[in-house]
Amino acid sequence: MILSTSASFSYTPTDTECKQLLAKMKRVPVSTYDGKDLDEATMNDCRTRLLAAEKRLLYVQRHCKGDASENALIQFASAIMDLEETREVNPLHSFQKDGEEIKSHIPFSSEHKFNLCIR
């Protein structure tokens, strides 16, 4: 089940979070950047810093994308194994149908109360 879940750590820093970080780094009020767009280099630097900080958090504090039970499994399993490495070593099974690659994954459905991933 741990490998099958489609949940994953997922964090994309927002413009507001980047502005908050920049204000903290420059020791100025966050309101200094209200209504202003940051240049691309500054935004990329802030995003890189925020993503690096996210990866240093304990697994139970990291942003997770998926339903609550899948998130709990991801956070639990991350403490005992590297999920990205495990998923890389065990990719989703796929096959060709009518010239199109089909991945063996059925997302969770509340109606059917299950999901499926074949690795």
N, C-alpha and C. Protein backbone atom coordinates (compact mmCIF):
# COMPACT_ATOMS: atom_id res chain seq x y z
N MET A 1 0.82 -1.21 0.00
CA MET A 1 0.00 0.00 0.00
C MET A 1 0.85 1.26 0.00
N ILE A 2 1.96 1.25 0.72
CA ILE A 2 2.77 2.46 0.82
C ILE A 2 3.27 2.89 -0.55
N LEU A 3 3.70 1.95 -1.37
CA LEU A 3 4.17 2.31 -2.70
C LEU A 3 3.02 2.66 -3.62
N SER A 4 1.84 2.17 -3.34
CA SER A 4 0.71 2.35 -4.23
C SER A 4 0.07 3.72 -4.13
N THR A 5 0.17 4.37 -3.00
CA THR A 5 -0.52 5.63 -2.82
C THR A 5 -0.03 6.67 -3.82
N SER A 6 -0.94 7.48 -4.30
CA SER A 6 -0.58 8.52 -5.27
C SER A 6 -0.26 9.83 -4.57
N ALA A 7 -0.40 9.88 -3.26
CA ALA A 7 -0.08 11.10 -2.52
C ALA A 7 1.42 11.35 -2.61
N SER A 8 1.79 12.60 -2.47
CA SER A 8 3.21 12.93 -2.50
C SER A 8 3.44 14.26 -1.80
N PHE A 9 4.69 14.48 -1.42
CA PHE A 9 5.03 15.78 -0.88
C PHE A 9 4.96 16.76 -2.04
N SER A 10 4.25 17.82 -1.83
CA SER A 10 4.05 18.79 -2.91
C SER A 10 3.98 20.18 -2.33
N TYR A 11 4.94 21.02 -2.70
CA TYR A 11 4.96 22.39 -2.21
C TYR A 11 5.45 23.29 -3.31
N THR A 12 4.67 24.28 -3.62
CA THR A 12 5.05 25.31 -4.58
C THR A 12 4.91 26.64 -3.87
N PRO A 13 6.04 27.30 -3.58
CA PRO A 13 5.96 28.58 -2.88
C PRO A 13 5.15 29.61 -3.66
N THR A 14 4.30 30.33 -2.96
CA THR A 14 3.49 31.37 -3.59
C THR A 14 4.29 32.67 -3.68
N ASP A 15 3.79 33.59 -4.50
CA ASP A 15 4.43 34.91 -4.59
C ASP A 15 4.44 35.59 -3.23
N THR A 16 3.35 35.44 -2.49
CA THR A 16 3.26 36.06 -1.16
C THR A 16 4.32 35.49 -0.23
N GLU A 17 4.51 34.16 -0.25
CA GLU A 17 5.54 33.55 0.59
C GLU A 17 6.93 34.04 0.20
N CYS A 18 7.16 34.21 -1.10
CA CYS A 18 8.45 34.73 -1.56
C CYS A 18 8.67 36.16 -1.05
N LYS A 19 7.62 36.97 -1.11
CA LYS A 19 7.73 38.35 -0.62
C LYS A 19 7.97 38.37 0.89
N GLN A 20 7.32 37.47 1.61
CA GLN A 20 7.52 37.39 3.06
C GLN A 20 8.96 36.99 3.38
N LEU A 21 9.50 36.04 2.64
CA LEU A 21 10.88 35.62 2.86
C LEU A 21 11.85 36.76 2.56
N LEU A 22 11.64 37.43 1.44
CA LEU A 22 12.51 38.54 1.06
C LEU A 22 12.48 39.65 2.11
N ALA A 23 11.30 39.96 2.60
CA ALA A 23 11.16 40.99 3.63
C ALA A 23 11.92 40.57 4.90
N LYS A 24 11.82 39.30 5.25
CA LYS A 24 12.53 38.81 6.44
C LYS A 24 14.04 38.88 6.23
N MET A 25 14.49 38.49 5.03
CA MET A 25 15.93 38.53 4.75
C MET A 25 16.48 39.96 4.76
N LYS A 26 15.68 40.90 4.27
CA LYS A 26 16.13 42.30 4.20
C LYS A 26 15.78 43.08 5.46
N ARG A 27 15.06 42.41 6.37
CA ARG A 27 14.64 43.02 7.64
C ARG A 27 13.83 44.30 7.41
N VAL A 28 12.85 44.17 6.53
CA VAL A 28 11.91 45.26 6.27
C VAL A 28 10.50 44.72 6.45
N PRO A 29 9.52 45.59 6.63
CA PRO A 29 8.14 45.12 6.77
C PRO A 29 7.66 44.43 5.48
N VAL A 30 6.84 43.41 5.62
CA VAL A 30 6.29 42.71 4.46
C VAL A 30 5.50 43.68 3.58
N SER A 31 4.88 44.67 4.19
CA SER A 31 4.08 45.64 3.44
C SER A 31 4.92 46.42 2.43
N THR A 32 6.23 46.38 2.57
CA THR A 32 7.13 47.04 1.61
C THR A 32 6.90 46.49 0.20
N TYR A 33 6.52 45.23 0.11
CA TYR A 33 6.35 44.57 -1.19
C TYR A 33 4.90 44.45 -1.62
N ASP A 34 3.96 45.04 -0.87
CA ASP A 34 2.54 44.99 -1.26
C ASP A 34 2.35 45.65 -2.62
N GLY A 35 1.68 44.94 -3.50
CA GLY A 35 1.36 45.48 -4.82
C GLY A 35 2.54 45.56 -5.77
N LYS A 36 3.68 45.02 -5.38
CA LYS A 36 4.87 45.06 -6.23
C LYS A 36 5.19 43.65 -6.72
N ASP A 37 5.66 43.57 -7.94
CA ASP A 37 6.12 42.30 -8.49
C ASP A 37 7.62 42.21 -8.33
N LEU A 38 8.10 41.08 -7.85
CA LEU A 38 9.53 40.86 -7.72
C LEU A 38 10.11 40.41 -9.06
N ASP A 39 11.37 40.76 -9.32
CA ASP A 39 11.97 40.34 -10.58
C ASP A 39 12.17 38.83 -10.58
N GLU A 40 12.32 38.25 -11.76
CA GLU A 40 12.37 36.80 -11.93
C GLU A 40 13.52 36.16 -11.14
N ALA A 41 14.70 36.79 -11.15
CA ALA A 41 15.85 36.23 -10.43
C ALA A 41 15.58 36.18 -8.93
N THR A 42 14.98 37.22 -8.39
CA THR A 42 14.67 37.25 -6.96
C THR A 42 13.62 36.20 -6.61
N MET A 43 12.60 36.08 -7.47
CA MET A 43 11.55 35.06 -7.24
C MET A 43 12.16 33.66 -7.26
N ASN A 44 13.02 33.39 -8.24
CA ASN A 44 13.64 32.06 -8.33
C ASN A 44 14.51 31.77 -7.11
N ASP A 45 15.25 32.78 -6.65
CA ASP A 45 16.08 32.61 -5.46
C ASP A 45 15.22 32.30 -4.24
N CYS A 46 14.14 33.06 -4.07
CA CYS A 46 13.25 32.84 -2.92
C CYS A 46 12.58 31.47 -3.00
N ARG A 47 12.13 31.07 -4.19
CA ARG A 47 11.51 29.75 -4.34
C ARG A 47 12.49 28.64 -3.99
N THR A 48 13.73 28.78 -4.47
CA THR A 48 14.76 27.78 -4.19
C THR A 48 15.00 27.67 -2.70
N ARG A 49 15.09 28.81 -2.02
CA ARG A 49 15.32 28.82 -0.58
C ARG A 49 14.14 28.19 0.18
N LEU A 50 12.91 28.52 -0.24
CA LEU A 50 11.73 27.98 0.44
C LEU A 50 11.61 26.48 0.22
N LEU A 51 11.90 26.02 -0.99
CA LEU A 51 11.85 24.58 -1.26
C LEU A 51 12.90 23.82 -0.47
N ALA A 52 14.10 24.40 -0.35
CA ALA A 52 15.16 23.77 0.44
C ALA A 52 14.75 23.70 1.91
N ALA A 53 14.13 24.76 2.41
CA ALA A 53 13.67 24.78 3.81
C ALA A 53 12.57 23.73 4.02
N GLU A 54 11.70 23.58 3.04
CA GLU A 54 10.61 22.58 3.12
C GLU A 54 11.19 21.17 3.24
N LYS A 55 12.23 20.89 2.46
CA LYS A 55 12.83 19.54 2.49
C LYS A 55 13.53 19.25 3.81
N ARG A 56 13.91 20.29 4.54
CA ARG A 56 14.58 20.09 5.84
C ARG A 56 13.58 19.88 6.97
N LEU A 57 12.29 20.13 6.72
CA LEU A 57 11.27 19.94 7.76
C LEU A 57 11.09 18.46 8.08
N LEU A 58 10.61 18.18 9.28
CA LEU A 58 10.21 16.82 9.61
C LEU A 58 9.12 16.40 8.64
N TYR A 59 9.06 15.13 8.31
CA TYR A 59 8.07 14.65 7.34
C TYR A 59 6.64 14.98 7.73
N VAL A 60 6.34 14.96 9.01
CA VAL A 60 4.97 15.23 9.44
C VAL A 60 4.60 16.71 9.31
N GLN A 61 5.58 17.58 9.06
CA GLN A 61 5.31 19.01 8.91
C GLN A 61 5.32 19.47 7.46
N ARG A 62 5.72 18.59 6.55
CA ARG A 62 5.82 18.98 5.14
C ARG A 62 4.45 19.00 4.47
N HIS A 63 4.32 19.84 3.44
CA HIS A 63 3.09 19.91 2.66
C HIS A 63 2.94 18.61 1.88
N CYS A 64 1.76 18.07 1.89
CA CYS A 64 1.50 16.80 1.23
C CYS A 64 0.25 16.94 0.37
N LYS A 65 0.29 16.34 -0.83
CA LYS A 65 -0.85 16.43 -1.75
C LYS A 65 -1.50 15.05 -1.86
N GLY A 66 -2.74 14.96 -1.48
CA GLY A 66 -3.48 13.71 -1.51
C GLY A 66 -4.55 13.76 -0.44
N ASP A 67 -5.33 12.68 -0.30
CA ASP A 67 -6.34 12.70 0.76
C ASP A 67 -5.67 12.40 2.10
N ALA A 68 -6.38 12.59 3.18
CA ALA A 68 -5.81 12.53 4.53
C ALA A 68 -5.16 11.18 4.85
N SER A 69 -5.81 10.08 4.49
CA SER A 69 -5.24 8.78 4.82
C SER A 69 -3.98 8.51 4.00
N GLU A 70 -3.96 8.93 2.73
CA GLU A 70 -2.76 8.76 1.91
C GLU A 70 -1.63 9.63 2.44
N ASN A 71 -1.96 10.85 2.85
CA ASN A 71 -0.94 11.74 3.41
C ASN A 71 -0.30 11.11 4.65
N ALA A 72 -1.12 10.51 5.49
CA ALA A 72 -0.61 9.87 6.70
C ALA A 72 0.34 8.72 6.34
N LEU A 73 -0.02 7.95 5.33
CA LEU A 73 0.86 6.85 4.89
C LEU A 73 2.19 7.39 4.36
N ILE A 74 2.14 8.44 3.58
CA ILE A 74 3.35 9.04 3.02
C ILE A 74 4.24 9.56 4.14
N GLN A 75 3.65 10.26 5.09
CA GLN A 75 4.44 10.82 6.18
C GLN A 75 5.04 9.72 7.05
N PHE A 76 4.30 8.66 7.29
CA PHE A 76 4.81 7.54 8.08
C PHE A 76 5.94 6.84 7.33
N ALA A 77 5.71 6.51 6.07
CA ALA A 77 6.69 5.75 5.30
C ALA A 77 7.97 6.54 5.07
N SER A 78 7.87 7.83 4.95
CA SER A 78 9.05 8.67 4.70
C SER A 78 10.06 8.61 5.83
N ALA A 79 9.60 8.29 7.00
CA ALA A 79 10.51 8.18 8.14
C ALA A 79 11.37 6.92 8.08
N ILE A 80 10.92 5.93 7.29
CA ILE A 80 11.67 4.66 7.25
C ILE A 80 12.25 4.34 5.87
N MET A 81 11.87 5.10 4.84
CA MET A 81 12.40 4.83 3.50
C MET A 81 12.34 6.10 2.66
N ASP A 82 13.17 6.17 1.64
CA ASP A 82 13.16 7.29 0.71
C ASP A 82 12.13 6.99 -0.37
N LEU A 83 10.98 7.64 -0.29
CA LEU A 83 9.89 7.33 -1.21
C LEU A 83 10.21 7.69 -2.65
N GLU A 84 10.89 8.82 -2.88
CA GLU A 84 11.22 9.19 -4.25
C GLU A 84 12.12 8.15 -4.88
N GLU A 85 13.11 7.67 -4.13
CA GLU A 85 14.00 6.63 -4.63
C GLU A 85 13.24 5.33 -4.88
N THR A 86 12.37 4.97 -3.94
CA THR A 86 11.59 3.74 -4.08
C THR A 86 10.67 3.80 -5.28
N ARG A 87 10.04 4.94 -5.51
CA ARG A 87 9.17 5.09 -6.68
C ARG A 87 9.97 5.06 -7.97
N GLU A 88 11.18 5.61 -7.93
CA GLU A 88 12.03 5.60 -9.13
C GLU A 88 12.44 4.17 -9.48
N VAL A 89 12.79 3.39 -8.47
CA VAL A 89 13.19 2.00 -8.68
C VAL A 89 11.99 1.15 -9.09
N ASN A 90 10.80 1.52 -8.62
CA ASN A 90 9.56 0.77 -8.91
C ASN A 90 8.55 1.68 -9.60
N PRO A 91 8.77 1.99 -10.88
CA PRO A 91 7.85 2.91 -11.57
C PRO A 91 6.47 2.28 -11.79
N LEU A 92 5.49 3.14 -12.07
CA LEU A 92 4.16 2.64 -12.41
C LEU A 92 4.27 1.77 -13.65
N HIS A 93 3.58 0.64 -13.62
CA HIS A 93 3.53 -0.23 -14.80
C HIS A 93 2.75 0.50 -15.89
N SER A 94 3.23 0.41 -17.11
CA SER A 94 2.49 1.02 -18.21
C SER A 94 2.50 0.07 -19.40
N PHE A 95 1.57 0.28 -20.30
CA PHE A 95 1.47 -0.53 -21.50
C PHE A 95 0.96 0.34 -22.63
N GLN A 96 1.11 -0.14 -23.85
CA GLN A 96 0.68 0.60 -25.03
C GLN A 96 -0.69 0.10 -25.48
N LYS A 97 -1.57 1.04 -25.76
CA LYS A 97 -2.89 0.69 -26.29
C LYS A 97 -3.24 1.73 -27.35
N ASP A 98 -3.45 1.26 -28.56
CA ASP A 98 -3.75 2.15 -29.69
C ASP A 98 -2.69 3.25 -29.82
N GLY A 99 -1.42 2.88 -29.62
CA GLY A 99 -0.32 3.83 -29.75
C GLY A 99 -0.18 4.82 -28.62
N GLU A 100 -0.97 4.66 -27.57
CA GLU A 100 -0.92 5.57 -26.42
C GLU A 100 -0.43 4.81 -25.20
N GLU A 101 0.46 5.45 -24.41
CA GLU A 101 0.95 4.82 -23.19
C GLU A 101 -0.10 4.96 -22.10
N ILE A 102 -0.47 3.85 -21.52
CA ILE A 102 -1.46 3.82 -20.44
C ILE A 102 -0.73 3.40 -19.16
N LYS A 103 -0.82 4.25 -18.13
CA LYS A 103 -0.21 3.91 -16.84
C LYS A 103 -1.23 3.17 -15.99
N SER A 104 -0.76 2.20 -15.24
CA SER A 104 -1.64 1.37 -14.40
C SER A 104 -1.93 2.08 -13.09
N HIS A 105 -2.83 3.04 -13.17
CA HIS A 105 -3.17 3.83 -11.99
C HIS A 105 -4.64 4.23 -12.06
N ILE A 106 -5.37 3.93 -11.02
CA ILE A 106 -6.75 4.38 -10.88
C ILE A 106 -6.79 5.23 -9.62
N PRO A 107 -7.04 6.54 -9.73
CA PRO A 107 -7.08 7.40 -8.53
C PRO A 107 -8.20 6.98 -7.58
N PHE A 108 -8.07 7.39 -6.33
CA PHE A 108 -9.08 7.07 -5.33
C PHE A 108 -10.44 7.62 -5.75
N SER A 109 -11.46 6.82 -5.56
CA SER A 109 -12.83 7.22 -5.86
C SER A 109 -13.67 7.02 -4.60
N SER A 110 -14.35 8.08 -4.17
CA SER A 110 -15.23 7.97 -3.01
C SER A 110 -16.37 7.00 -3.28
N GLU A 111 -16.81 6.95 -4.52
CA GLU A 111 -17.91 6.07 -4.88
C GLU A 111 -17.50 4.59 -4.73
N HIS A 112 -16.30 4.25 -5.24
CA HIS A 112 -15.85 2.86 -5.19
C HIS A 112 -14.99 2.56 -3.97
N LYS A 113 -14.53 3.59 -3.30
CA LYS A 113 -13.74 3.47 -2.07
C LYS A 113 -12.45 2.67 -2.24
N PHE A 114 -11.74 2.92 -3.33
CA PHE A 114 -10.43 2.31 -3.50
C PHE A 114 -9.64 3.09 -4.55
N ASN A 115 -8.33 2.82 -4.57
CA ASN A 115 -7.49 3.29 -5.65
C ASN A 115 -6.57 2.14 -6.03
N LEU A 116 -5.88 2.28 -7.14
CA LEU A 116 -5.02 1.20 -7.59
C LEU A 116 -3.81 1.75 -8.31
N CYS A 117 -2.65 1.25 -7.95
CA CYS A 117 -1.40 1.55 -8.64
C CYS A 117 -0.67 0.23 -8.78
N ILE A 118 -0.24 -0.09 -9.99
CA ILE A 118 0.55 -1.31 -10.19
C ILE A 118 1.96 -0.88 -10.49
N ARG A 119 2.88 -1.32 -9.64
CA ARG A 119 4.30 -0.98 -9.80
C ARG A 119 5.08 -2.25 -10.07
